[in-house]
Amino acid sequence: MALINLSDETIISNNNINLKYVLNKKCHSGVNTKALHEDIKTLLYDVKAFFNIIKILPKNSKTLSNDIEALFENVVVFPNDIQALSDNIKILYKNVKAITIEKGQSFDDFDLVKKHV
């Protein structure tokens, strides 16, 4: 199930995988970078799934789409800068939160997500 949480610790939860876990895992010596890469890809696919579920269609939806594609491109060159990737995800979610509030939707209401996952 895809959940969104804008705290510093967890941005996306996918079962027991979250961004803080992934970032901490990166700090350990001898980390399996291929497995870490897959963890990040899973998180980003979850991002894309969330957008499809809430059906965001703002005036600047093209910008959001480009931002998501940019995140995927960053994963391709992983692990060049995992912190930049984390920062980009945080910025993206802040933009999405602002847009959903503008559209009169509750960003924290996961009923719609639960119905589709």
PDB file of N, CA and C in Angstrom:
ATOM      1  N   MET A   1       0.844  -1.192   0.000  1.00  0.00           N
ATOM      2  CA  MET A   1       0.000   0.000   0.000  1.00  0.00           C
ATOM      3  C   MET A   1       0.879   1.241   0.000  1.00  0.00           C
ATOM      4  N   ALA A   2       0.523   2.219  -0.767  1.00  0.00           N
ATOM      5  CA  ALA A   2       1.284   3.457  -0.854  1.00  0.00           C
ATOM      6  C   ALA A   2       0.741   4.455   0.156  1.00  0.00           C
ATOM      7  N   LEU A   3       1.607   4.953   0.999  1.00  0.00           N
ATOM      8  CA  LEU A   3       1.212   5.975   1.959  1.00  0.00           C
ATOM      9  C   LEU A   3       2.147   7.164   1.839  1.00  0.00           C
ATOM     10  N   ILE A   4       1.633   8.345   2.098  1.00  0.00           N
ATOM     11  CA  ILE A   4       2.446   9.541   2.016  1.00  0.00           C
ATOM     12  C   ILE A   4       2.573  10.141   3.407  1.00  0.00           C
ATOM     13  N   ASN A   5       3.765  10.471   3.796  1.00  0.00           N
ATOM     14  CA  ASN A   5       4.030  11.089   5.092  1.00  0.00           C
ATOM     15  C   ASN A   5       5.140  12.097   4.869  1.00  0.00           C
ATOM     16  N   LEU A   6       4.865  13.358   5.147  1.00  0.00           N
ATOM     17  CA  LEU A   6       5.844  14.398   4.835  1.00  0.00           C
ATOM     18  C   LEU A   6       6.832  14.665   5.961  1.00  0.00           C
ATOM     19  N   SER A   7       6.910  13.787   6.952  1.00  0.00           N
ATOM     20  CA  SER A   7       7.892  13.997   8.004  1.00  0.00           C
ATOM     21  C   SER A   7       9.292  13.811   7.424  1.00  0.00           C
ATOM     22  N   ASP A   8      10.279  14.292   8.146  1.00  0.00           N
ATOM     23  CA  ASP A   8      11.656  14.161   7.669  1.00  0.00           C
ATOM     24  C   ASP A   8      12.076  12.703   7.601  1.00  0.00           C
ATOM     25  N   GLU A   9      11.472  11.876   8.446  1.00  0.00           N
ATOM     26  CA  GLU A   9      11.913  10.494   8.521  1.00  0.00           C
ATOM     27  C   GLU A   9      11.390   9.607   7.408  1.00  0.00           C
ATOM     28  N   THR A  10      10.149   9.778   7.076  1.00  0.00           N
ATOM     29  CA  THR A  10       9.558   8.875   6.086  1.00  0.00           C
ATOM     30  C   THR A  10       8.773   9.674   5.081  1.00  0.00           C
ATOM     31  N   ILE A  11       9.110   9.557   3.835  1.00  0.00           N
ATOM     32  CA  ILE A  11       8.346  10.241   2.794  1.00  0.00           C
ATOM     33  C   ILE A  11       7.375   9.260   2.169  1.00  0.00           C
ATOM     34  N   ILE A  12       7.867   8.100   1.846  1.00  0.00           N
ATOM     35  CA  ILE A  12       7.017   7.101   1.218  1.00  0.00           C
ATOM     36  C   ILE A  12       7.171   5.811   1.997  1.00  0.00           C
ATOM     37  N   SER A  13       6.085   5.142   2.253  1.00  0.00           N
ATOM     38  CA  SER A  13       6.128   3.844   2.902  1.00  0.00           C
ATOM     39  C   SER A  13       5.634   2.813   1.913  1.00  0.00           C
ATOM     40  N   ASN A  14       6.405   1.789   1.696  1.00  0.00           N
ATOM     41  CA  ASN A  14       5.965   0.709   0.811  1.00  0.00           C
ATOM     42  C   ASN A  14       6.250  -0.580   1.575  1.00  0.00           C
ATOM     43  N   ASN A  15       5.212  -1.119   2.196  1.00  0.00           N
ATOM     44  CA  ASN A  15       5.368  -2.214   3.144  1.00  0.00           C
ATOM     45  C   ASN A  15       6.322  -1.730   4.236  1.00  0.00           C
ATOM     46  N   ASN A  16       7.490  -2.340   4.390  1.00  0.00           N
ATOM     47  CA  ASN A  16       8.408  -1.911   5.440  1.00  0.00           C
ATOM     48  C   ASN A  16       9.579  -1.108   4.909  1.00  0.00           C
ATOM     49  N   ILE A  17       9.505  -0.705   3.638  1.00  0.00           N
ATOM     50  CA  ILE A  17      10.606   0.049   3.055  1.00  0.00           C
ATOM     51  C   ILE A  17      10.261   1.534   3.133  1.00  0.00           C
ATOM     52  N   ASN A  18      11.173   2.340   3.646  1.00  0.00           N
ATOM     53  CA  ASN A  18      10.955   3.778   3.601  1.00  0.00           C
ATOM     54  C   ASN A  18      12.271   4.463   3.287  1.00  0.00           C
ATOM     55  N   LEU A  19      12.167   5.730   2.955  1.00  0.00           N
ATOM     56  CA  LEU A  19      13.343   6.444   2.468  1.00  0.00           C
ATOM     57  C   LEU A  19      14.443   6.535   3.524  1.00  0.00           C
ATOM     58  N   LYS A  20      14.041   6.726   4.792  1.00  0.00           N
ATOM     59  CA  LYS A  20      15.059   6.817   5.838  1.00  0.00           C
ATOM     60  C   LYS A  20      15.831   5.500   5.922  1.00  0.00           C
ATOM     61  N   TYR A  21      15.111   4.389   5.830  1.00  0.00           N
ATOM     62  CA  TYR A  21      15.753   3.082   5.845  1.00  0.00           C
ATOM     63  C   TYR A  21      16.750   2.958   4.694  1.00  0.00           C
ATOM     64  N   VAL A  22      16.304   3.401   3.519  1.00  0.00           N
ATOM     65  CA  VAL A  22      17.172   3.308   2.345  1.00  0.00           C
ATOM     66  C   VAL A  22      18.410   4.183   2.527  1.00  0.00           C
ATOM     67  N   LEU A  23      18.213   5.391   3.030  1.00  0.00           N
ATOM     68  CA  LEU A  23      19.349   6.297   3.221  1.00  0.00           C
ATOM     69  C   LEU A  23      20.305   5.750   4.279  1.00  0.00           C
ATOM     70  N   ASN A  24      19.754   5.200   5.367  1.00  0.00           N
ATOM     71  CA  ASN A  24      20.608   4.627   6.407  1.00  0.00           C
ATOM     72  C   ASN A  24      21.378   3.420   5.883  1.00  0.00           C
ATOM     73  N   LYS A  25      20.710   2.630   5.061  1.00  0.00           N
ATOM     74  CA  LYS A  25      21.331   1.450   4.478  1.00  0.00           C
ATOM     75  C   LYS A  25      22.540   1.853   3.634  1.00  0.00           C
ATOM     76  N   LYS A  26      22.422   2.992   2.961  1.00  0.00           N
ATOM     77  CA  LYS A  26      23.500   3.496   2.110  1.00  0.00           C
ATOM     78  C   LYS A  26      24.752   3.790   2.953  1.00  0.00           C
ATOM     79  N   CYS A  27      24.550   4.183   4.222  1.00  0.00           N
ATOM     80  CA  CYS A  27      25.672   4.565   5.080  1.00  0.00           C
ATOM     81  C   CYS A  27      26.475   3.365   5.567  1.00  0.00           C
ATOM     82  N   HIS A  28      25.898   2.185   5.520  1.00  0.00           N
ATOM     83  CA  HIS A  28      26.596   1.010   6.013  1.00  0.00           C
ATOM     84  C   HIS A  28      27.658   0.553   5.019  1.00  0.00           C
ATOM     85  N   SER A  29      28.790   0.150   5.538  1.00  0.00           N
ATOM     86  CA  SER A  29      29.843  -0.311   4.633  1.00  0.00           C
ATOM     87  C   SER A  29      29.445  -1.657   4.042  1.00  0.00           C
ATOM     88  N   GLY A  30      29.908  -1.910   2.822  1.00  0.00           N
ATOM     89  CA  GLY A  30      29.604  -3.174   2.172  1.00  0.00           C
ATOM     90  C   GLY A  30      28.160  -3.298   1.740  1.00  0.00           C
ATOM     91  N   VAL A  31      27.486  -2.157   1.561  1.00  0.00           N
ATOM     92  CA  VAL A  31      26.080  -2.201   1.169  1.00  0.00           C
ATOM     93  C   VAL A  31      25.951  -2.799  -0.236  1.00  0.00           C
ATOM     94  N   ASN A  32      24.890  -3.542  -0.423  1.00  0.00           N
ATOM     95  CA  ASN A  32      24.609  -4.121  -1.734  1.00  0.00           C
ATOM     96  C   ASN A  32      23.930  -3.026  -2.569  1.00  0.00           C
ATOM     97  N   THR A  33      24.706  -2.344  -3.410  1.00  0.00           N
ATOM     98  CA  THR A  33      24.164  -1.208  -4.140  1.00  0.00           C
ATOM     99  C   THR A  33      23.071  -1.626  -5.124  1.00  0.00           C
ATOM    100  N   LYS A  34      23.148  -2.843  -5.650  1.00  0.00           N
ATOM    101  CA  LYS A  34      22.096  -3.293  -6.563  1.00  0.00           C
ATOM    102  C   LYS A  34      20.772  -3.420  -5.821  1.00  0.00           C
ATOM    103  N   ALA A  35      20.801  -3.989  -4.624  1.00  0.00           N
ATOM    104  CA  ALA A  35      19.587  -4.122  -3.815  1.00  0.00           C
ATOM    105  C   ALA A  35      19.057  -2.751  -3.410  1.00  0.00           C
ATOM    106  N   LEU A  36      19.970  -1.853  -3.066  1.00  0.00           N
ATOM    107  CA  LEU A  36      19.579  -0.498  -2.684  1.00  0.00           C
ATOM    108  C   LEU A  36      18.938   0.221  -3.873  1.00  0.00           C
ATOM    109  N   HIS A  37      19.516   0.025  -5.025  1.00  0.00           N
ATOM    110  CA  HIS A  37      18.976   0.602  -6.255  1.00  0.00           C
ATOM    111  C   HIS A  37      17.542   0.128  -6.475  1.00  0.00           C
ATOM    112  N   GLU A  38      17.312  -1.168  -6.263  1.00  0.00           N
ATOM    113  CA  GLU A  38      15.968  -1.727  -6.428  1.00  0.00           C
ATOM    114  C   GLU A  38      15.000  -1.140  -5.398  1.00  0.00           C
ATOM    115  N   ASP A  39      15.486  -0.945  -4.158  1.00  0.00           N
ATOM    116  CA  ASP A  39      14.645  -0.327  -3.124  1.00  0.00           C
ATOM    117  C   ASP A  39      14.184   1.061  -3.565  1.00  0.00           C
ATOM    118  N   ILE A  40      15.106   1.837  -4.097  1.00  0.00           N
ATOM    119  CA  ILE A  40      14.766   3.204  -4.526  1.00  0.00           C
ATOM    120  C   ILE A  40      13.804   3.160  -5.705  1.00  0.00           C
ATOM    121  N   LYS A  41      14.034   2.258  -6.640  1.00  0.00           N
ATOM    122  CA  LYS A  41      13.118   2.151  -7.782  1.00  0.00           C
ATOM    123  C   LYS A  41      11.710   1.797  -7.295  1.00  0.00           C
ATOM    124  N   THR A  42      11.624   0.917  -6.306  1.00  0.00           N
ATOM    125  CA  THR A  42      10.327   0.542  -5.749  1.00  0.00           C
ATOM    126  C   THR A  42       9.635   1.755  -5.148  1.00  0.00           C
ATOM    127  N   LEU A  43      10.396   2.567  -4.414  1.00  0.00           N
ATOM    128  CA  LEU A  43       9.826   3.772  -3.821  1.00  0.00           C
ATOM    129  C   LEU A  43       9.298   4.709  -4.892  1.00  0.00           C
ATOM    130  N   LEU A  44      10.047   4.876  -5.967  1.00  0.00           N
ATOM    131  CA  LEU A  44       9.633   5.808  -7.006  1.00  0.00           C
ATOM    132  C   LEU A  44       8.449   5.293  -7.813  1.00  0.00           C
ATOM    133  N   TYR A  45       8.380   3.986  -8.013  1.00  0.00           N
ATOM    134  CA  TYR A  45       7.200   3.437  -8.679  1.00  0.00           C
ATOM    135  C   TYR A  45       5.971   3.669  -7.805  1.00  0.00           C
ATOM    136  N   ASP A  46       6.171   3.626  -6.486  1.00  0.00           N
ATOM    137  CA  ASP A  46       5.094   3.912  -5.550  1.00  0.00           C
ATOM    138  C   ASP A  46       4.633   5.356  -5.697  1.00  0.00           C
ATOM    139  N   VAL A  47       5.584   6.258  -5.939  1.00  0.00           N
ATOM    140  CA  VAL A  47       5.256   7.666  -6.173  1.00  0.00           C
ATOM    141  C   VAL A  47       4.343   7.777  -7.388  1.00  0.00           C
ATOM    142  N   LYS A  48       4.742   7.123  -8.463  1.00  0.00           N
ATOM    143  CA  LYS A  48       3.974   7.188  -9.700  1.00  0.00           C
ATOM    144  C   LYS A  48       2.571   6.606  -9.492  1.00  0.00           C
ATOM    145  N   ALA A  49       2.488   5.507  -8.769  1.00  0.00           N
ATOM    146  CA  ALA A  49       1.196   4.879  -8.491  1.00  0.00           C
ATOM    147  C   ALA A  49       0.296   5.828  -7.710  1.00  0.00           C
ATOM    148  N   PHE A  50       0.887   6.549  -6.753  1.00  0.00           N
ATOM    149  CA  PHE A  50       0.096   7.483  -5.951  1.00  0.00           C
ATOM    150  C   PHE A  50      -0.503   8.577  -6.827  1.00  0.00           C
ATOM    151  N   PHE A  51       0.292   9.118  -7.752  1.00  0.00           N
ATOM    152  CA  PHE A  51      -0.218  10.152  -8.641  1.00  0.00           C
ATOM    153  C   PHE A  51      -1.366   9.607  -9.490  1.00  0.00           C
ATOM    154  N   ASN A  52      -1.233   8.382  -9.962  1.00  0.00           N
ATOM    155  CA  ASN A  52      -2.292   7.785 -10.771  1.00  0.00           C
ATOM    156  C   ASN A  52      -3.568   7.605  -9.961  1.00  0.00           C
ATOM    157  N   ILE A  53      -3.425   7.298  -8.684  1.00  0.00           N
ATOM    158  CA  ILE A  53      -4.590   7.060  -7.829  1.00  0.00           C
ATOM    159  C   ILE A  53      -5.336   8.361  -7.539  1.00  0.00           C
ATOM    160  N   ILE A  54      -4.623   9.415  -7.174  1.00  0.00           N
ATOM    161  CA  ILE A  54      -5.334  10.636  -6.778  1.00  0.00           C
ATOM    162  C   ILE A  54      -5.737  11.500  -7.964  1.00  0.00           C
ATOM    163  N   LYS A  55      -5.285  11.107  -9.162  1.00  0.00           N
ATOM    164  CA  LYS A  55      -5.734  11.785 -10.387  1.00  0.00           C
ATOM    165  C   LYS A  55      -5.529  13.301 -10.329  1.00  0.00           C
ATOM    166  N   ILE A  56      -4.328  13.702 -10.022  1.00  0.00           N
ATOM    167  CA  ILE A  56      -4.028  15.137  -9.982  1.00  0.00           C
ATOM    168  C   ILE A  56      -3.949  15.678 -11.402  1.00  0.00           C
ATOM    169  N   LEU A  57      -4.752  16.684 -11.683  1.00  0.00           N
ATOM    170  CA  LEU A  57      -4.726  17.305 -13.004  1.00  0.00           C
ATOM    171  C   LEU A  57      -4.636  18.824 -12.875  1.00  0.00           C
ATOM    172  N   PRO A  58      -3.587  19.335 -12.274  1.00  0.00           N
ATOM    173  CA  PRO A  58      -3.449  20.782 -12.126  1.00  0.00           C
ATOM    174  C   PRO A  58      -2.952  21.408 -13.421  1.00  0.00           C
ATOM    175  N   LYS A  59      -2.949  22.737 -13.444  1.00  0.00           N
ATOM    176  CA  LYS A  59      -2.450  23.439 -14.624  1.00  0.00           C
ATOM    177  C   LYS A  59      -1.006  23.064 -14.900  1.00  0.00           C
ATOM    178  N   ASN A  60      -0.249  22.846 -13.837  1.00  0.00           N
ATOM    179  CA  ASN A  60       1.167  22.522 -14.021  1.00  0.00           C
ATOM    180  C   ASN A  60       1.432  21.029 -13.878  1.00  0.00           C
ATOM    181  N   SER A  61       0.471  20.195 -14.304  1.00  0.00           N
ATOM    182  CA  SER A  61       0.662  18.744 -14.196  1.00  0.00           C
ATOM    183  C   SER A  61       1.841  18.277 -15.044  1.00  0.00           C
ATOM    184  N   LYS A  62       2.126  18.994 -16.138  1.00  0.00           N
ATOM    185  CA  LYS A  62       3.261  18.628 -16.975  1.00  0.00           C
ATOM    186  C   LYS A  62       4.566  18.778 -16.188  1.00  0.00           C
ATOM    187  N   THR A  63       4.633  19.825 -15.372  1.00  0.00           N
ATOM    188  CA  THR A  63       5.819  20.042 -14.537  1.00  0.00           C
ATOM    189  C   THR A  63       5.985  18.894 -13.556  1.00  0.00           C
ATOM    190  N   LEU A  64       4.876  18.469 -12.935  1.00  0.00           N
ATOM    191  CA  LEU A  64       4.938  17.348 -12.001  1.00  0.00           C
ATOM    192  C   LEU A  64       5.387  16.089 -12.720  1.00  0.00           C
ATOM    193  N   SER A  65       4.854  15.872 -13.909  1.00  0.00           N
ATOM    194  CA  SER A  65       5.240  14.709 -14.692  1.00  0.00           C
ATOM    195  C   SER A  65       6.737  14.741 -14.997  1.00  0.00           C
ATOM    196  N   ASN A  66       7.221  15.907 -15.370  1.00  0.00           N
ATOM    197  CA  ASN A  66       8.656  16.052 -15.651  1.00  0.00           C
ATOM    198  C   ASN A  66       9.491  15.801 -14.399  1.00  0.00           C
ATOM    199  N   ASP A  67       8.989  16.262 -13.248  1.00  0.00           N
ATOM    200  CA  ASP A  67       9.706  16.042 -11.992  1.00  0.00           C
ATOM    201  C   ASP A  67       9.823  14.556 -11.686  1.00  0.00           C
ATOM    202  N   ILE A  68       8.730  13.821 -11.930  1.00  0.00           N
ATOM    203  CA  ILE A  68       8.757  12.377 -11.676  1.00  0.00           C
ATOM    204  C   ILE A  68       9.750  11.701 -12.609  1.00  0.00           C
ATOM    205  N   GLU A  69       9.722  12.089 -13.882  1.00  0.00           N
ATOM    206  CA  GLU A  69      10.667  11.508 -14.836  1.00  0.00           C
ATOM    207  C   GLU A  69      12.107  11.819 -14.430  1.00  0.00           C
ATOM    208  N   ALA A  70      12.331  13.025 -13.928  1.00  0.00           N
ATOM    209  CA  ALA A  70      13.680  13.408 -13.486  1.00  0.00           C
ATOM    210  C   ALA A  70      14.137  12.525 -12.325  1.00  0.00           C
ATOM    211  N   LEU A  71      13.197  12.177 -11.443  1.00  0.00           N
ATOM    212  CA  LEU A  71      13.551  11.296 -10.331  1.00  0.00           C
ATOM    213  C   LEU A  71      13.984   9.928 -10.851  1.00  0.00           C
ATOM    214  N   PHE A  72      13.266   9.426 -11.856  1.00  0.00           N
ATOM    215  CA  PHE A  72      13.633   8.136 -12.432  1.00  0.00           C
ATOM    216  C   PHE A  72      15.001   8.219 -13.107  1.00  0.00           C
ATOM    217  N   GLU A  73      15.276   9.346 -13.768  1.00  0.00           N
ATOM    218  CA  GLU A  73      16.581   9.519 -14.406  1.00  0.00           C
ATOM    219  C   GLU A  73      17.691   9.521 -13.362  1.00  0.00           C
ATOM    220  N   ASN A  74      17.417  10.127 -12.209  1.00  0.00           N
ATOM    221  CA  ASN A  74      18.407  10.139 -11.134  1.00  0.00           C
ATOM    222  C   ASN A  74      18.717   8.723 -10.657  1.00  0.00           C
ATOM    223  N   VAL A  75      17.694   7.873 -10.666  1.00  0.00           N
ATOM    224  CA  VAL A  75      17.903   6.490 -10.244  1.00  0.00           C
ATOM    225  C   VAL A  75      18.818   5.757 -11.227  1.00  0.00           C
ATOM    226  N   VAL A  76      18.701   6.097 -12.502  1.00  0.00           N
ATOM    227  CA  VAL A  76      19.535   5.445 -13.510  1.00  0.00           C
ATOM    228  C   VAL A  76      21.011   5.696 -13.234  1.00  0.00           C
ATOM    229  N   VAL A  77      21.350   6.898 -12.762  1.00  0.00           N
ATOM    230  CA  VAL A  77      22.752   7.219 -12.490  1.00  0.00           C
ATOM    231  C   VAL A  77      23.125   6.953 -11.032  1.00  0.00           C
ATOM    232  N   PHE A  78      22.199   6.407 -10.279  1.00  0.00           N
ATOM    233  CA  PHE A  78      22.448   6.039  -8.885  1.00  0.00           C
ATOM    234  C   PHE A  78      23.713   5.201  -8.768  1.00  0.00           C
ATOM    235  N   PRO A  79      24.520   5.297  -7.726  1.00  0.00           N
ATOM    236  CA  PRO A  79      24.276   6.077  -6.512  1.00  0.00           C
ATOM    237  C   PRO A  79      25.077   7.387  -6.466  1.00  0.00           C
ATOM    238  N   ASN A  80      25.080   8.149  -7.521  1.00  0.00           N
ATOM    239  CA  ASN A  80      25.858   9.385  -7.545  1.00  0.00           C
ATOM    240  C   ASN A  80      25.548  10.319  -6.383  1.00  0.00           C
ATOM    241  N   ASP A  81      24.273  10.605  -6.150  1.00  0.00           N
ATOM    242  CA  ASP A  81      23.931  11.518  -5.069  1.00  0.00           C
ATOM    243  C   ASP A  81      22.573  11.182  -4.484  1.00  0.00           C
ATOM    244  N   ILE A  82      22.586  10.244  -3.543  1.00  0.00           N
ATOM    245  CA  ILE A  82      21.334   9.791  -2.942  1.00  0.00           C
ATOM    246  C   ILE A  82      20.659  10.903  -2.147  1.00  0.00           C
ATOM    247  N   GLN A  83      21.434  11.799  -1.547  1.00  0.00           N
ATOM    248  CA  GLN A  83      20.836  12.885  -0.766  1.00  0.00           C
ATOM    249  C   GLN A  83      20.077  13.850  -1.681  1.00  0.00           C
ATOM    250  N   ALA A  84      20.628  14.119  -2.860  1.00  0.00           N
ATOM    251  CA  ALA A  84      19.936  14.988  -3.814  1.00  0.00           C
ATOM    252  C   ALA A  84      18.617  14.348  -4.239  1.00  0.00           C
ATOM    253  N   LEU A  85      18.627  13.044  -4.421  1.00  0.00           N
ATOM    254  CA  LEU A  85      17.405  12.332  -4.790  1.00  0.00           C
ATOM    255  C   LEU A  85      16.364  12.470  -3.683  1.00  0.00           C
ATOM    256  N   SER A  86      16.802  12.311  -2.448  1.00  0.00           N
ATOM    257  CA  SER A  86      15.912  12.468  -1.303  1.00  0.00           C
ATOM    258  C   SER A  86      15.320  13.878  -1.263  1.00  0.00           C
ATOM    259  N   ASP A  87      16.185  14.872  -1.475  1.00  0.00           N
ATOM    260  CA  ASP A  87      15.723  16.270  -1.459  1.00  0.00           C
ATOM    261  C   ASP A  87      14.713  16.526  -2.570  1.00  0.00           C
ATOM    262  N   ASN A  88      14.967  15.949  -3.748  1.00  0.00           N
ATOM    263  CA  ASN A  88      14.055  16.130  -4.870  1.00  0.00           C
ATOM    264  C   ASN A  88      12.678  15.537  -4.572  1.00  0.00           C
ATOM    265  N   ILE A  89      12.672  14.387  -3.915  1.00  0.00           N
ATOM    266  CA  ILE A  89      11.391  13.762  -3.568  1.00  0.00           C
ATOM    267  C   ILE A  89      10.633  14.645  -2.576  1.00  0.00           C
ATOM    268  N   LYS A  90      11.342  15.199  -1.594  1.00  0.00           N
ATOM    269  CA  LYS A  90      10.695  16.077  -0.617  1.00  0.00           C
ATOM    270  C   LYS A  90      10.082  17.297  -1.300  1.00  0.00           C
ATOM    271  N   ILE A  91      10.824  17.910  -2.214  1.00  0.00           N
ATOM    272  CA  ILE A  91      10.325  19.086  -2.937  1.00  0.00           C
ATOM    273  C   ILE A  91       9.099  18.718  -3.758  1.00  0.00           C
ATOM    274  N   LEU A  92       9.170  17.580  -4.437  1.00  0.00           N
ATOM    275  CA  LEU A  92       8.054  17.115  -5.259  1.00  0.00           C
ATOM    276  C   LEU A  92       6.800  16.956  -4.412  1.00  0.00           C
ATOM    277  N   TYR A  93       6.918  16.347  -3.233  1.00  0.00           N
ATOM    278  CA  TYR A  93       5.753  16.143  -2.384  1.00  0.00           C
ATOM    279  C   TYR A  93       5.195  17.442  -1.837  1.00  0.00           C
ATOM    280  N   LYS A  94       6.076  18.396  -1.534  1.00  0.00           N
ATOM    281  CA  LYS A  94       5.579  19.693  -1.077  1.00  0.00           C
ATOM    282  C   LYS A  94       4.761  20.356  -2.175  1.00  0.00           C
ATOM    283  N   ASN A  95       5.220  20.233  -3.429  1.00  0.00           N
ATOM    284  CA  ASN A  95       4.467  20.785  -4.561  1.00  0.00           C
ATOM    285  C   ASN A  95       3.117  20.098  -4.711  1.00  0.00           C
ATOM    286  N   VAL A  96       3.120  18.784  -4.572  1.00  0.00           N
ATOM    287  CA  VAL A  96       1.876  18.022  -4.710  1.00  0.00           C
ATOM    288  C   VAL A  96       0.914  18.378  -3.586  1.00  0.00           C
ATOM    289  N   LYS A  97       1.442  18.520  -2.380  1.00  0.00           N
ATOM    290  CA  LYS A  97       0.588  18.868  -1.243  1.00  0.00           C
ATOM    291  C   LYS A  97      -0.090  20.217  -1.494  1.00  0.00           C
ATOM    292  N   ALA A  98       0.664  21.192  -1.980  1.00  0.00           N
ATOM    293  CA  ALA A  98       0.112  22.512  -2.261  1.00  0.00           C
ATOM    294  C   ALA A  98      -0.982  22.429  -3.319  1.00  0.00           C
ATOM    295  N   ILE A  99      -0.764  21.624  -4.335  1.00  0.00           N
ATOM    296  CA  ILE A  99      -1.740  21.502  -5.424  1.00  0.00           C
ATOM    297  C   ILE A  99      -3.011  20.804  -4.947  1.00  0.00           C
ATOM    298  N   THR A 100      -2.865  19.758  -4.155  1.00  0.00           N
ATOM    299  CA  THR A 100      -4.062  19.033  -3.696  1.00  0.00           C
ATOM    300  C   THR A 100      -4.895  19.918  -2.774  1.00  0.00           C
ATOM    301  N   ILE A 101      -4.226  20.728  -1.955  1.00  0.00           N
ATOM    302  CA  ILE A 101      -4.957  21.642  -1.076  1.00  0.00           C
ATOM    303  C   ILE A 101      -5.685  22.696  -1.918  1.00  0.00           C
ATOM    304  N   GLU A 102      -5.001  23.185  -2.944  1.00  0.00           N
ATOM    305  CA  GLU A 102      -5.586  24.180  -3.852  1.00  0.00           C
ATOM    306  C   GLU A 102      -6.831  23.627  -4.538  1.00  0.00           C
ATOM    307  N   LYS A 103      -6.823  22.336  -4.846  1.00  0.00           N
ATOM    308  CA  LYS A 103      -7.966  21.709  -5.518  1.00  0.00           C
ATOM    309  C   LYS A 103      -9.064  21.304  -4.528  1.00  0.00           C
ATOM    310  N   GLY A 104      -8.853  21.591  -3.236  1.00  0.00           N
ATOM    311  CA  GLY A 104      -9.853  21.267  -2.229  1.00  0.00           C
ATOM    312  C   GLY A 104      -9.845  19.811  -1.823  1.00  0.00           C
ATOM    313  N   GLN A 105      -8.748  19.112  -2.129  1.00  0.00           N
ATOM    314  CA  GLN A 105      -8.639  17.713  -1.740  1.00  0.00           C
ATOM    315  C   GLN A 105      -7.850  17.620  -0.437  1.00  0.00           C
ATOM    316  N   SER A 106      -8.148  16.618   0.345  1.00  0.00           N
ATOM    317  CA  SER A 106      -7.397  16.395   1.570  1.00  0.00           C
ATOM    318  C   SER A 106      -6.195  15.522   1.262  1.00  0.00           C
ATOM    319  N   PHE A 107      -5.031  16.100   1.461  1.00  0.00           N
ATOM    320  CA  PHE A 107      -3.803  15.364   1.170  1.00  0.00           C
ATOM    321  C   PHE A 107      -3.611  14.194   2.126  1.00  0.00           C
ATOM    322  N   ASP A 108      -4.180  14.308   3.329  1.00  0.00           N
ATOM    323  CA  ASP A 108      -3.983  13.271   4.339  1.00  0.00           C
ATOM    324  C   ASP A 108      -5.092  12.218   4.343  1.00  0.00           C
ATOM    325  N   ASP A 109      -6.032  12.329   3.409  1.00  0.00           N
ATOM    326  CA  ASP A 109      -7.130  11.373   3.350  1.00  0.00           C
ATOM    327  C   ASP A 109      -6.731  10.211   2.446  1.00  0.00           C
ATOM    328  N   PHE A 110      -6.503   9.052   3.053  1.00  0.00           N
ATOM    329  CA  PHE A 110      -6.003   7.916   2.280  1.00  0.00           C
ATOM    330  C   PHE A 110      -7.111   6.954   1.865  1.00  0.00           C
ATOM    331  N   ASP A 111      -8.382   7.340   2.075  1.00  0.00           N
ATOM    332  CA  ASP A 111      -9.473   6.453   1.681  1.00  0.00           C
ATOM    333  C   ASP A 111      -9.393   6.106   0.207  1.00  0.00           C
ATOM    334  N   LEU A 112      -9.101   7.103  -0.618  1.00  0.00           N
ATOM    335  CA  LEU A 112      -9.014   6.882  -2.062  1.00  0.00           C
ATOM    336  C   LEU A 112      -7.877   5.924  -2.387  1.00  0.00           C
ATOM    337  N   VAL A 113      -6.764   6.100  -1.676  1.00  0.00           N
ATOM    338  CA  VAL A 113      -5.623   5.216  -1.898  1.00  0.00           C
ATOM    339  C   VAL A 113      -5.993   3.788  -1.506  1.00  0.00           C
ATOM    340  N   LYS A 114      -6.607   3.642  -0.351  1.00  0.00           N
ATOM    341  CA  LYS A 114      -6.963   2.309   0.134  1.00  0.00           C
ATOM    342  C   LYS A 114      -7.924   1.592  -0.818  1.00  0.00           C
ATOM    343  N   LYS A 115      -8.798   2.351  -1.469  1.00  0.00           N
ATOM    344  CA  LYS A 115      -9.753   1.751  -2.393  1.00  0.00           C
ATOM    345  C   LYS A 115      -9.069   1.193  -3.640  1.00  0.00           C
ATOM    346  N   HIS A 116      -7.916   1.757  -3.989  1.00  0.00           N
ATOM    347  CA  HIS A 116      -7.275   1.386  -5.247  1.00  0.00           C
ATOM    348  C   HIS A 116      -6.037   0.517  -5.080  1.00  0.00           C
ATOM    349  N   VAL A 117      -5.649   0.245  -3.858  1.00  0.00           N
ATOM    350  CA  VAL A 117      -4.407  -0.530  -3.652  1.00  0.00           C
ATOM    351  C   VAL A 117      -4.763  -1.925  -3.193  1.00  0.00           C
TER     352      VAL A 117
END
